[in-house]
Amino acid sequence: METTMRKHFEEYISKFKAATPEDVQQKMKKAIDELEQSDQGKGLDKGEKAPNFNLPDAKGTAVELYEQLEKGPVIVTFYRGGWCPYCNMELRAYQEILDEVHEAGGELMAISPENPDHSLSTSEKNELEFLVLSDVGNEVANQFNLVYQLPDYLVDIYKDKGLNVDQHNGDETWTLPVSATYVIDTDGTIVYEYTKADYKDRAEPSQVLEVLKNTK
């Protein structure tokens, strides 16, 4: 099934550009460029072993990666938070293909640094039926080498927009995971990775599904 994620992204970006001052757009682009050129958030590579983790889902139930891998391969996608419009569009696109993920013998986990209460809100708002996990403090994202520090000028922009990321995450660090998606085989090997500094550039869920279907 082809999702319409990219189409939704393009529509949102068009509206964003029309409504956002040019200087703000330039600062947001600058932050992406600086992250791209830094050593932060590069992520793990295909062929590496994924670190095991144990995180609470939106209702507080502990979920362990390697326990899940005993049942089949897993798609793990890291997102910034329910405040991020691109993240919500991506999560809804994954919900569209969830039945096919399960038919292929796989599972889907979405991870953000938001606390469980906000993860539950994200899950309910988007009517998600897959595992939405809370990585408070970005501990797991750090093991996947995905964490980066938001520059002060971008923090100021977010605050001006009412995006209180620190309150969502329950800490004052203003760190986030780079948007990244992995397909992990049953032995813990990463067989697919898509990691980009630009949060508007994400793996197309339908393509990730095809990788999962070919993972035994």
N, C-alpha and C. Protein backbone atom coordinates (compact mmCIF):
# COMPACT_ATOMS: atom_id res chain seq x y z
N MET A 1 0.85 -1.20 0.00
CA MET A 1 0.00 0.00 0.00
C MET A 1 0.88 1.25 0.00
N GLU A 2 0.62 2.13 -0.95
CA GLU A 2 1.35 3.40 -0.98
C GLU A 2 0.71 4.36 0.02
N THR A 3 1.51 4.92 0.90
CA THR A 3 0.98 5.94 1.78
C THR A 3 1.08 7.29 1.08
N THR A 4 0.41 8.27 1.65
CA THR A 4 0.42 9.61 1.06
C THR A 4 1.25 10.57 1.91
N MET A 5 2.20 10.04 2.66
CA MET A 5 2.97 10.87 3.57
C MET A 5 3.68 12.02 2.85
N ARG A 6 4.36 11.72 1.75
CA ARG A 6 5.12 12.76 1.06
C ARG A 6 4.19 13.87 0.55
N LYS A 7 3.04 13.50 0.06
CA LYS A 7 2.07 14.50 -0.41
C LYS A 7 1.63 15.40 0.74
N HIS A 8 1.36 14.82 1.90
CA HIS A 8 0.98 15.61 3.07
C HIS A 8 2.12 16.53 3.49
N PHE A 9 3.34 16.01 3.44
CA PHE A 9 4.51 16.84 3.77
C PHE A 9 4.57 18.06 2.86
N GLU A 10 4.45 17.83 1.57
CA GLU A 10 4.57 18.93 0.60
C GLU A 10 3.47 19.97 0.81
N GLU A 11 2.27 19.53 1.11
CA GLU A 11 1.17 20.46 1.36
C GLU A 11 1.44 21.29 2.60
N TYR A 12 1.94 20.64 3.64
CA TYR A 12 2.23 21.36 4.88
C TYR A 12 3.37 22.36 4.68
N ILE A 13 4.43 21.94 3.99
CA ILE A 13 5.58 22.81 3.76
C ILE A 13 5.15 24.05 2.98
N SER A 14 4.28 23.88 2.00
CA SER A 14 3.79 25.01 1.21
C SER A 14 3.06 26.01 2.11
N LYS A 15 2.20 25.52 2.98
CA LYS A 15 1.46 26.40 3.89
C LYS A 15 2.40 27.06 4.90
N PHE A 16 3.38 26.29 5.38
CA PHE A 16 4.35 26.81 6.34
C PHE A 16 5.14 27.97 5.74
N LYS A 17 5.61 27.79 4.52
CA LYS A 17 6.39 28.84 3.87
C LYS A 17 5.57 30.11 3.66
N ALA A 18 4.30 29.93 3.36
CA ALA A 18 3.43 31.09 3.12
C ALA A 18 3.14 31.86 4.41
N ALA A 19 3.19 31.16 5.55
CA ALA A 19 2.78 31.78 6.81
C ALA A 19 3.95 32.18 7.71
N THR A 20 5.17 31.79 7.36
CA THR A 20 6.32 31.99 8.24
C THR A 20 7.28 33.04 7.68
N PRO A 21 7.69 34.01 8.51
CA PRO A 21 8.63 35.04 8.05
C PRO A 21 9.92 34.44 7.50
N GLU A 22 10.49 35.09 6.50
CA GLU A 22 11.68 34.59 5.83
C GLU A 22 12.86 34.41 6.79
N ASP A 23 13.03 35.33 7.75
CA ASP A 23 14.17 35.20 8.66
C ASP A 23 14.04 33.97 9.55
N VAL A 24 12.81 33.63 9.92
CA VAL A 24 12.59 32.42 10.73
C VAL A 24 12.90 31.17 9.89
N GLN A 25 12.44 31.18 8.64
CA GLN A 25 12.73 30.06 7.75
C GLN A 25 14.23 29.87 7.57
N GLN A 26 14.96 30.97 7.44
CA GLN A 26 16.41 30.88 7.24
C GLN A 26 17.11 30.33 8.47
N LYS A 27 16.65 30.72 9.65
CA LYS A 27 17.25 30.20 10.89
C LYS A 27 16.98 28.70 11.03
N MET A 28 15.80 28.27 10.65
CA MET A 28 15.47 26.84 10.75
C MET A 28 16.30 26.05 9.75
N LYS A 29 16.50 26.60 8.58
CA LYS A 29 17.36 25.94 7.59
C LYS A 29 18.80 25.89 8.08
N LYS A 30 19.26 26.99 8.69
CA LYS A 30 20.61 27.05 9.23
C LYS A 30 20.84 25.94 10.26
N ALA A 31 19.84 25.71 11.12
CA ALA A 31 19.96 24.67 12.15
C ALA A 31 20.11 23.29 11.52
N ILE A 32 19.35 23.04 10.45
CA ILE A 32 19.46 21.75 9.75
C ILE A 32 20.84 21.61 9.12
N ASP A 33 21.30 22.68 8.47
CA ASP A 33 22.62 22.64 7.81
C ASP A 33 23.74 22.41 8.82
N GLU A 34 23.65 23.08 9.97
CA GLU A 34 24.68 22.91 11.01
C GLU A 34 24.68 21.49 11.56
N LEU A 35 23.50 20.92 11.73
CA LEU A 35 23.41 19.54 12.21
C LEU A 35 24.00 18.58 11.19
N GLU A 36 23.68 18.81 9.92
CA GLU A 36 24.20 17.96 8.84
C GLU A 36 25.73 17.97 8.83
N GLN A 37 26.32 19.12 9.12
CA GLN A 37 27.77 19.26 9.05
C GLN A 37 28.48 18.86 10.35
N SER A 38 27.70 18.58 11.40
CA SER A 38 28.28 18.22 12.70
C SER A 38 28.46 16.72 12.81
N ASP A 39 28.96 16.28 13.96
CA ASP A 39 29.11 14.85 14.23
C ASP A 39 27.92 14.30 15.00
N GLN A 40 26.92 15.12 15.25
CA GLN A 40 25.77 14.69 16.04
C GLN A 40 24.75 13.95 15.18
N GLY A 41 24.09 12.97 15.79
CA GLY A 41 22.91 12.36 15.19
C GLY A 41 23.13 11.58 13.92
N LYS A 42 24.30 10.97 13.75
CA LYS A 42 24.57 10.24 12.51
C LYS A 42 23.90 8.87 12.47
N GLY A 43 23.59 8.32 13.63
CA GLY A 43 22.86 7.06 13.68
C GLY A 43 23.72 5.83 13.45
N LEU A 44 23.17 4.67 13.78
CA LEU A 44 23.84 3.40 13.52
C LEU A 44 23.67 3.03 12.05
N ASP A 45 24.56 2.18 11.56
CA ASP A 45 24.57 1.82 10.15
C ASP A 45 23.96 0.44 9.91
N LYS A 46 23.55 0.21 8.69
CA LYS A 46 23.12 -1.11 8.26
C LYS A 46 24.24 -2.11 8.52
N GLY A 47 23.88 -3.27 9.06
CA GLY A 47 24.87 -4.29 9.37
C GLY A 47 25.31 -4.31 10.82
N GLU A 48 25.07 -3.20 11.54
CA GLU A 48 25.41 -3.15 12.96
C GLU A 48 24.31 -3.82 13.79
N LYS A 49 24.68 -4.18 15.01
CA LYS A 49 23.71 -4.76 15.93
C LYS A 49 22.97 -3.64 16.66
N ALA A 50 21.67 -3.75 16.72
CA ALA A 50 20.88 -2.78 17.47
C ALA A 50 21.01 -3.06 18.96
N PRO A 51 21.23 -2.03 19.76
CA PRO A 51 21.28 -2.24 21.21
C PRO A 51 19.91 -2.64 21.73
N ASN A 52 19.90 -3.56 22.68
CA ASN A 52 18.62 -3.92 23.29
C ASN A 52 18.15 -2.77 24.16
N PHE A 53 16.83 -2.64 24.31
CA PHE A 53 16.30 -1.61 25.20
C PHE A 53 15.00 -2.07 25.81
N ASN A 54 14.64 -1.43 26.88
CA ASN A 54 13.39 -1.70 27.58
C ASN A 54 12.75 -0.35 27.91
N LEU A 55 11.66 -0.03 27.22
CA LEU A 55 11.01 1.27 27.38
C LEU A 55 9.52 1.11 27.67
N PRO A 56 8.93 2.07 28.39
CA PRO A 56 7.49 2.00 28.64
C PRO A 56 6.69 2.46 27.43
N ASP A 57 5.56 1.78 27.20
CA ASP A 57 4.66 2.25 26.14
C ASP A 57 3.78 3.37 26.69
N ALA A 58 2.83 3.81 25.90
CA ALA A 58 2.02 4.96 26.27
C ALA A 58 1.19 4.72 27.54
N LYS A 59 1.00 3.45 27.89
CA LYS A 59 0.22 3.13 29.08
C LYS A 59 1.11 2.66 30.23
N GLY A 60 2.44 2.74 30.02
CA GLY A 60 3.37 2.41 31.09
C GLY A 60 3.86 0.98 31.11
N THR A 61 3.43 0.17 30.16
CA THR A 61 3.87 -1.23 30.10
C THR A 61 5.26 -1.31 29.47
N ALA A 62 6.17 -2.05 30.11
CA ALA A 62 7.53 -2.17 29.60
C ALA A 62 7.58 -3.01 28.34
N VAL A 63 8.33 -2.54 27.35
CA VAL A 63 8.49 -3.24 26.07
C VAL A 63 9.99 -3.43 25.82
N GLU A 64 10.41 -4.66 25.58
CA GLU A 64 11.82 -4.96 25.33
C GLU A 64 12.02 -5.32 23.86
N LEU A 65 12.99 -4.70 23.22
CA LEU A 65 13.23 -4.94 21.80
C LEU A 65 13.53 -6.40 21.51
N TYR A 66 14.49 -6.97 22.19
CA TYR A 66 14.93 -8.32 21.84
C TYR A 66 13.88 -9.38 22.18
N GLU A 67 13.03 -9.09 23.12
CA GLU A 67 11.90 -9.98 23.40
C GLU A 67 10.94 -9.96 22.22
N GLN A 68 10.73 -8.78 21.67
CA GLN A 68 9.85 -8.65 20.50
C GLN A 68 10.48 -9.32 19.28
N LEU A 69 11.81 -9.22 19.15
CA LEU A 69 12.49 -9.82 18.00
C LEU A 69 12.39 -11.34 17.98
N GLU A 70 12.10 -11.95 19.12
CA GLU A 70 11.89 -13.40 19.14
C GLU A 70 10.65 -13.79 18.35
N LYS A 71 9.75 -12.82 18.15
CA LYS A 71 8.50 -13.09 17.43
C LYS A 71 8.60 -12.74 15.94
N GLY A 72 9.56 -11.86 15.59
CA GLY A 72 9.70 -11.44 14.20
C GLY A 72 10.48 -10.14 14.10
N PRO A 73 10.79 -9.72 12.88
CA PRO A 73 11.53 -8.47 12.69
C PRO A 73 10.72 -7.26 13.14
N VAL A 74 11.41 -6.18 13.43
CA VAL A 74 10.77 -4.98 13.98
C VAL A 74 11.20 -3.73 13.20
N ILE A 75 10.22 -2.90 12.90
CA ILE A 75 10.49 -1.54 12.41
C ILE A 75 10.57 -0.64 13.63
N VAL A 76 11.68 0.06 13.78
CA VAL A 76 11.84 1.03 14.87
C VAL A 76 12.00 2.41 14.24
N THR A 77 11.10 3.31 14.56
CA THR A 77 11.21 4.67 14.04
C THR A 77 11.29 5.66 15.18
N PHE A 78 12.28 6.52 15.15
CA PHE A 78 12.45 7.56 16.15
C PHE A 78 11.83 8.85 15.64
N TYR A 79 10.98 9.46 16.45
CA TYR A 79 10.36 10.73 16.06
C TYR A 79 10.58 11.76 17.16
N ARG A 80 10.43 13.03 16.82
CA ARG A 80 10.78 14.11 17.74
C ARG A 80 9.75 14.31 18.84
N GLY A 81 8.47 14.18 18.51
CA GLY A 81 7.42 14.35 19.51
C GLY A 81 6.09 14.65 18.87
N GLY A 82 5.04 14.54 19.65
CA GLY A 82 3.69 14.78 19.15
C GLY A 82 3.43 16.23 18.77
N TRP A 83 4.32 17.14 19.17
CA TRP A 83 4.21 18.56 18.80
C TRP A 83 4.69 18.80 17.37
N CYS A 84 5.36 17.82 16.79
CA CYS A 84 5.96 17.96 15.45
C CYS A 84 4.97 17.51 14.38
N PRO A 85 4.52 18.40 13.49
CA PRO A 85 3.52 18.01 12.49
C PRO A 85 4.02 16.91 11.55
N TYR A 86 5.30 16.93 11.20
CA TYR A 86 5.85 15.90 10.31
C TYR A 86 5.82 14.53 10.99
N CYS A 87 6.08 14.53 12.29
CA CYS A 87 6.04 13.27 13.04
C CYS A 87 4.63 12.69 13.03
N ASN A 88 3.64 13.54 13.25
CA ASN A 88 2.26 13.05 13.26
C ASN A 88 1.84 12.50 11.90
N MET A 89 2.26 13.17 10.84
CA MET A 89 1.94 12.67 9.50
C MET A 89 2.62 11.32 9.26
N GLU A 90 3.86 11.21 9.72
CA GLU A 90 4.59 9.95 9.56
C GLU A 90 3.93 8.83 10.36
N LEU A 91 3.57 9.11 11.59
CA LEU A 91 2.95 8.09 12.44
C LEU A 91 1.62 7.61 11.86
N ARG A 92 0.85 8.53 11.32
CA ARG A 92 -0.43 8.14 10.70
C ARG A 92 -0.18 7.30 9.45
N ALA A 93 0.89 7.61 8.72
CA ALA A 93 1.21 6.81 7.53
C ALA A 93 1.58 5.39 7.93
N TYR A 94 2.28 5.24 9.05
CA TYR A 94 2.60 3.89 9.51
C TYR A 94 1.35 3.15 9.99
N GLN A 95 0.41 3.88 10.58
CA GLN A 95 -0.84 3.24 10.98
C GLN A 95 -1.56 2.67 9.77
N GLU A 96 -1.47 3.36 8.63
CA GLU A 96 -2.13 2.90 7.41
C GLU A 96 -1.62 1.54 6.95
N ILE A 97 -0.35 1.24 7.20
CA ILE A 97 0.22 -0.03 6.73
C ILE A 97 0.40 -1.05 7.84
N LEU A 98 -0.15 -0.76 9.03
CA LEU A 98 0.10 -1.63 10.19
C LEU A 98 -0.38 -3.06 9.96
N ASP A 99 -1.53 -3.21 9.33
CA ASP A 99 -2.04 -4.57 9.08
C ASP A 99 -1.05 -5.37 8.23
N GLU A 100 -0.46 -4.70 7.23
CA GLU A 100 0.50 -5.39 6.36
C GLU A 100 1.80 -5.71 7.12
N VAL A 101 2.18 -4.83 8.04
CA VAL A 101 3.35 -5.11 8.88
C VAL A 101 3.11 -6.39 9.67
N HIS A 102 1.94 -6.50 10.26
CA HIS A 102 1.62 -7.69 11.06
C HIS A 102 1.48 -8.93 10.18
N GLU A 103 0.90 -8.76 8.99
CA GLU A 103 0.78 -9.90 8.08
C GLU A 103 2.14 -10.43 7.66
N ALA A 104 3.13 -9.55 7.63
CA ALA A 104 4.50 -9.94 7.27
C ALA A 104 5.26 -10.52 8.46
N GLY A 105 4.58 -10.60 9.61
CA GLY A 105 5.21 -11.19 10.80
C GLY A 105 6.02 -10.21 11.60
N GLY A 106 5.88 -8.92 11.30
CA GLY A 106 6.67 -7.90 11.98
C GLY A 106 5.89 -7.11 12.99
N GLU A 107 6.62 -6.20 13.65
CA GLU A 107 6.02 -5.28 14.61
C GLU A 107 6.59 -3.89 14.37
N LEU A 108 5.91 -2.90 14.89
CA LEU A 108 6.31 -1.51 14.70
C LEU A 108 6.41 -0.82 16.06
N MET A 109 7.54 -0.14 16.27
CA MET A 109 7.76 0.63 17.49
C MET A 109 8.12 2.07 17.10
N ALA A 110 7.45 3.04 17.69
CA ALA A 110 7.78 4.45 17.48
C ALA A 110 8.28 5.01 18.81
N ILE A 111 9.43 5.66 18.78
CA ILE A 111 10.10 6.11 20.00
C ILE A 111 10.34 7.61 19.97
N SER A 112 10.00 8.29 21.06
CA SER A 112 10.33 9.71 21.20
C SER A 112 10.76 9.96 22.65
N PRO A 113 11.39 11.12 22.91
CA PRO A 113 11.78 11.44 24.27
C PRO A 113 10.64 11.96 25.14
N GLU A 114 9.44 12.04 24.59
CA GLU A 114 8.31 12.54 25.38
C GLU A 114 7.98 11.60 26.53
N ASN A 115 7.49 12.17 27.61
CA ASN A 115 7.09 11.34 28.74
C ASN A 115 5.83 10.54 28.38
N PRO A 116 5.51 9.50 29.15
CA PRO A 116 4.38 8.62 28.78
C PRO A 116 3.05 9.34 28.61
N ASP A 117 2.79 10.38 29.41
CA ASP A 117 1.52 11.10 29.27
C ASP A 117 1.39 11.73 27.89
N HIS A 118 2.47 12.35 27.43
CA HIS A 118 2.44 12.97 26.11
C HIS A 118 2.45 11.91 25.00
N SER A 119 3.13 10.79 25.24
CA SER A 119 3.10 9.69 24.26
C SER A 119 1.68 9.15 24.12
N LEU A 120 0.97 9.06 25.23
CA LEU A 120 -0.41 8.59 25.19
C LEU A 120 -1.27 9.58 24.40
N SER A 121 -1.05 10.86 24.60
CA SER A 121 -1.81 11.87 23.85
C SER A 121 -1.55 11.74 22.35
N THR A 122 -0.27 11.54 22.00
CA THR A 122 0.09 11.37 20.59
C THR A 122 -0.58 10.13 20.01
N SER A 123 -0.56 9.05 20.77
CA SER A 123 -1.16 7.79 20.31
C SER A 123 -2.66 7.94 20.11
N GLU A 124 -3.33 8.57 21.07
CA GLU A 124 -4.78 8.72 20.98
C GLU A 124 -5.17 9.70 19.88
N LYS A 125 -4.43 10.80 19.76
CA LYS A 125 -4.75 11.82 18.75
C LYS A 125 -4.68 11.25 17.35
N ASN A 126 -3.69 10.39 17.11
CA ASN A 126 -3.49 9.82 15.78
C ASN A 126 -4.11 8.44 15.62
N GLU A 127 -4.81 7.97 16.65
CA GLU A 127 -5.47 6.66 16.64
C GLU A 127 -4.48 5.55 16.27
N LEU A 128 -3.36 5.54 16.97
CA LEU A 128 -2.29 4.58 16.67
C LEU A 128 -2.52 3.28 17.43
N GLU A 129 -2.30 2.18 16.74
CA GLU A 129 -2.50 0.87 17.34
C GLU A 129 -1.19 0.09 17.47
N PHE A 130 -0.07 0.78 17.23
CA PHE A 130 1.24 0.13 17.41
C PHE A 130 1.91 0.68 18.66
N LEU A 131 3.10 0.19 18.95
CA LEU A 131 3.79 0.53 20.18
C LEU A 131 4.40 1.93 20.09
N VAL A 132 3.96 2.83 20.95
CA VAL A 132 4.49 4.19 21.05
C VAL A 132 5.23 4.27 22.38
N LEU A 133 6.55 4.38 22.31
CA LEU A 133 7.40 4.23 23.49
C LEU A 133 8.03 5.55 23.92
N SER A 134 8.25 5.67 25.23
CA SER A 134 8.83 6.88 25.81
C SER A 134 10.28 6.65 26.20
N ASP A 135 11.16 7.41 25.56
CA ASP A 135 12.59 7.34 25.82
C ASP A 135 13.02 8.61 26.55
N VAL A 136 12.53 8.76 27.78
CA VAL A 136 12.80 9.97 28.55
C VAL A 136 14.30 10.11 28.78
N GLY A 137 14.82 11.29 28.47
CA GLY A 137 16.25 11.51 28.59
C GLY A 137 17.04 11.08 27.36
N ASN A 138 16.33 10.58 26.35
CA ASN A 138 16.98 10.16 25.09
C ASN A 138 18.06 9.10 25.29
N GLU A 139 17.89 8.25 26.30
CA GLU A 139 18.93 7.25 26.59
C GLU A 139 19.07 6.23 25.46
N VAL A 140 17.96 5.74 24.95
CA VAL A 140 18.02 4.77 23.86
C VAL A 140 18.45 5.45 22.56
N ALA A 141 17.90 6.63 22.30
CA ALA A 141 18.30 7.38 21.10
C ALA A 141 19.80 7.64 21.11
N ASN A 142 20.35 7.86 22.28
CA ASN A 142 21.80 8.07 22.39
C ASN A 142 22.56 6.80 22.04
N GLN A 143 22.04 5.64 22.44
CA GLN A 143 22.68 4.36 22.09
C GLN A 143 22.65 4.12 20.58
N PHE A 144 21.64 4.69 19.92
CA PHE A 144 21.55 4.60 18.47
C PHE A 144 22.29 5.76 17.78
N ASN A 145 22.96 6.59 18.57
CA ASN A 145 23.75 7.72 18.07
C ASN A 145 22.88 8.71 17.29
N LEU A 146 21.73 9.06 17.86
CA LEU A 146 20.78 9.92 17.15
C LEU A 146 20.56 11.28 17.82
N VAL A 147 21.11 11.49 19.00
CA VAL A 147 20.76 12.67 19.78
C VAL A 147 21.54 13.90 19.32
N TYR A 148 20.85 15.03 19.28
CA TYR A 148 21.51 16.30 18.98
C TYR A 148 20.94 17.40 19.85
N GLN A 149 21.72 18.44 20.02
CA GLN A 149 21.34 19.60 20.83
C GLN A 149 20.75 20.69 19.95
N LEU A 150 19.56 21.17 20.29
CA LEU A 150 19.00 22.29 19.54
C LEU A 150 19.78 23.56 19.85
N PRO A 151 20.18 24.32 18.83
CA PRO A 151 20.88 25.58 19.07
C PRO A 151 19.95 26.59 19.75
N ASP A 152 20.55 27.50 20.50
CA ASP A 152 19.76 28.46 21.27
C ASP A 152 18.79 29.26 20.40
N TYR A 153 19.24 29.67 19.20
CA TYR A 153 18.37 30.48 18.36
C TYR A 153 17.14 29.70 17.89
N LEU A 154 17.28 28.38 17.76
CA LEU A 154 16.13 27.57 17.38
C LEU A 154 15.21 27.34 18.59
N VAL A 155 15.80 27.19 19.76
CA VAL A 155 15.00 27.08 20.99
C VAL A 155 14.12 28.32 21.14
N ASP A 156 14.69 29.49 20.88
CA ASP A 156 13.92 30.74 20.98
C ASP A 156 12.75 30.75 20.00
N ILE A 157 12.98 30.27 18.78
CA ILE A 157 11.91 30.20 17.79
C ILE A 157 10.81 29.26 18.27
N TYR A 158 11.20 28.11 18.77
CA TYR A 158 10.21 27.14 19.26
C TYR A 158 9.39 27.73 20.40
N LYS A 159 10.07 28.40 21.32
CA LYS A 159 9.35 29.00 22.45
C LYS A 159 8.37 30.06 21.96
N ASP A 160 8.79 30.85 20.97
CA ASP A 160 7.90 31.87 20.41
C ASP A 160 6.66 31.24 19.79
N LYS A 161 6.80 30.04 19.27
CA LYS A 161 5.69 29.33 18.65
C LYS A 161 4.87 28.53 19.67
N GLY A 162 5.31 28.57 20.93
CA GLY A 162 4.61 27.82 21.97
C GLY A 162 4.95 26.35 22.00
N LEU A 163 6.06 25.99 21.35
CA LEU A 163 6.49 24.59 21.33
C LEU A 163 7.43 24.35 22.51
N ASN A 164 6.86 23.99 23.64
CA ASN A 164 7.64 23.80 24.85
C ASN A 164 8.13 22.35 24.93
N VAL A 165 9.15 22.09 24.13
CA VAL A 165 9.70 20.74 24.02
C VAL A 165 10.17 20.24 25.38
N ASP A 166 10.74 21.14 26.18
CA ASP A 166 11.25 20.74 27.49
C ASP A 166 10.13 20.19 28.38
N GLN A 167 8.95 20.79 28.30
CA GLN A 167 7.82 20.31 29.10
C GLN A 167 7.32 18.96 28.60
N HIS A 168 7.32 18.76 27.30
CA HIS A 168 6.91 17.47 26.73
C HIS A 168 7.86 16.36 27.17
N ASN A 169 9.15 16.70 27.23
CA ASN A 169 10.17 15.68 27.52
C ASN A 169 10.47 15.54 29.00
N GLY A 170 10.01 16.49 29.79
CA GLY A 170 10.25 16.39 31.22
C GLY A 170 11.68 16.68 31.63
N ASP A 171 12.44 17.38 30.80
CA ASP A 171 13.78 17.81 31.19
C ASP A 171 14.08 19.15 30.51
N GLU A 172 15.20 19.74 30.85
CA GLU A 172 15.51 21.07 30.35
C GLU A 172 16.66 21.06 29.33
N THR A 173 16.95 19.92 28.76
CA THR A 173 18.14 19.82 27.91
C THR A 173 17.90 20.33 26.49
N TRP A 174 16.65 20.30 26.03
CA TRP A 174 16.34 20.67 24.64
C TRP A 174 17.20 19.84 23.67
N THR A 175 17.24 18.55 23.93
CA THR A 175 17.86 17.61 23.00
C THR A 175 16.77 16.76 22.36
N LEU A 176 17.02 16.36 21.13
CA LEU A 176 16.05 15.57 20.37
C LEU A 176 16.77 14.46 19.62
N PRO A 177 16.04 13.43 19.21
CA PRO A 177 16.62 12.44 18.30
C PRO A 177 16.44 12.89 16.86
N VAL A 178 17.43 12.65 16.03
CA VAL A 178 17.25 12.82 14.59
C VAL A 178 16.15 11.85 14.14
N SER A 179 15.32 12.27 13.22
CA SER A 179 14.30 11.37 12.69
C SER A 179 14.99 10.22 11.97
N ALA A 180 14.74 9.01 12.42
CA ALA A 180 15.45 7.84 11.88
C ALA A 180 14.54 6.63 11.90
N THR A 181 14.72 5.76 10.91
CA THR A 181 13.93 4.53 10.83
C THR A 181 14.85 3.35 10.56
N TYR A 182 14.61 2.27 11.30
CA TYR A 182 15.40 1.05 11.14
C TYR A 182 14.47 -0.14 10.95
N VAL A 183 14.95 -1.11 10.17
CA VAL A 183 14.35 -2.44 10.18
C VAL A 183 15.38 -3.35 10.81
N ILE A 184 14.97 -4.06 11.87
CA ILE A 184 15.88 -4.89 12.64
C ILE A 184 15.47 -6.35 12.51
N ASP A 185 16.42 -7.19 12.08
CA ASP A 185 16.17 -8.62 11.89
C ASP A 185 16.07 -9.31 13.24
N THR A 186 15.61 -10.56 13.22
CA THR A 186 15.36 -11.27 14.47
C THR A 186 16.63 -11.53 15.29
N ASP A 187 17.81 -11.46 14.67
CA ASP A 187 19.05 -11.64 15.43
C ASP A 187 19.61 -10.30 15.91
N GLY A 188 18.85 -9.22 15.72
CA GLY A 188 19.27 -7.92 16.20
C GLY A 188 20.06 -7.10 15.19
N THR A 189 20.27 -7.66 13.99
CA THR A 189 21.03 -6.94 12.96
C THR A 189 20.16 -5.89 12.26
N ILE A 190 20.71 -4.71 12.10
CA ILE A 190 20.02 -3.67 11.35
C ILE A 190 20.16 -3.98 9.86
N VAL A 191 19.03 -4.21 9.20
CA VAL A 191 19.06 -4.55 7.78
C VAL A 191 18.64 -3.37 6.90
N TYR A 192 18.17 -2.30 7.56
CA TYR A 192 17.78 -1.09 6.82
C TYR A 192 17.88 0.09 7.77
N GLU A 193 18.41 1.21 7.28
CA GLU A 193 18.42 2.43 8.09
C GLU A 193 18.20 3.63 7.20
N TYR A 194 17.51 4.62 7.74
CA TYR A 194 17.27 5.88 7.04
C TYR A 194 17.37 6.97 8.09
N THR A 195 18.45 7.74 8.03
CA THR A 195 18.73 8.75 9.04
C THR A 195 19.10 10.05 8.34
N LYS A 196 18.34 11.10 8.59
CA LYS A 196 18.59 12.39 7.94
C LYS A 196 18.54 13.52 8.96
N ALA A 197 19.45 14.49 8.80
CA ALA A 197 19.44 15.66 9.68
C ALA A 197 18.18 16.49 9.47
N ASP A 198 17.68 16.51 8.24
CA ASP A 198 16.49 17.28 7.91
C ASP A 198 15.24 16.51 8.32
N TYR A 199 14.52 17.02 9.31
CA TYR A 199 13.34 16.32 9.83
C TYR A 199 12.22 16.23 8.81
N LYS A 200 12.34 16.94 7.69
CA LYS A 200 11.33 16.84 6.63
C LYS A 200 11.65 15.72 5.64
N ASP A 201 12.79 15.08 5.82
CA ASP A 201 13.23 14.01 4.92
C ASP A 201 13.17 12.69 5.69
N ARG A 202 12.17 11.89 5.39
CA ARG A 202 11.94 10.65 6.14
C ARG A 202 11.68 9.48 5.20
N ALA A 203 11.93 8.31 5.70
CA ALA A 203 11.69 7.10 4.91
C ALA A 203 10.21 6.99 4.59
N GLU A 204 9.91 6.61 3.36
CA GLU A 204 8.52 6.37 2.97
C GLU A 204 8.07 5.04 3.58
N PRO A 205 7.04 5.04 4.44
CA PRO A 205 6.64 3.82 5.13
C PRO A 205 6.38 2.63 4.21
N SER A 206 5.83 2.87 3.03
CA SER A 206 5.55 1.75 2.12
C SER A 206 6.85 1.08 1.66
N GLN A 207 7.93 1.85 1.53
CA GLN A 207 9.22 1.28 1.16
C GLN A 207 9.83 0.50 2.32
N VAL A 208 9.65 1.02 3.53
CA VAL A 208 10.12 0.31 4.72
C VAL A 208 9.39 -1.03 4.85
N LEU A 209 8.10 -1.02 4.53
CA LEU A 209 7.31 -2.25 4.58
C LEU A 209 7.88 -3.30 3.63
N GLU A 210 8.28 -2.88 2.43
CA GLU A 210 8.85 -3.83 1.47
C GLU A 210 10.14 -4.47 2.00
N VAL A 211 10.95 -3.66 2.70
CA VAL A 211 12.17 -4.22 3.31
C VAL A 211 11.78 -5.26 4.37
N LEU A 212 10.79 -4.92 5.18
CA LEU A 212 10.34 -5.85 6.23
C LEU A 212 9.87 -7.17 5.62
N LYS A 213 9.13 -7.09 4.52
CA LYS A 213 8.59 -8.30 3.90
C LYS A 213 9.69 -9.22 3.42
N ASN A 214 10.85 -8.66 3.10
CA ASN A 214 11.99 -9.46 2.61
C ASN A 214 12.96 -9.83 3.72
N THR A 215 12.58 -9.53 4.95
CA THR A 215 13.43 -9.86 6.10
C THR A 215 12.88 -11.10 6.78
N LYS A 216 13.72 -12.09 6.88
CA LYS A 216 13.28 -13.36 7.48
C LYS A 216 13.96 -13.59 8.84
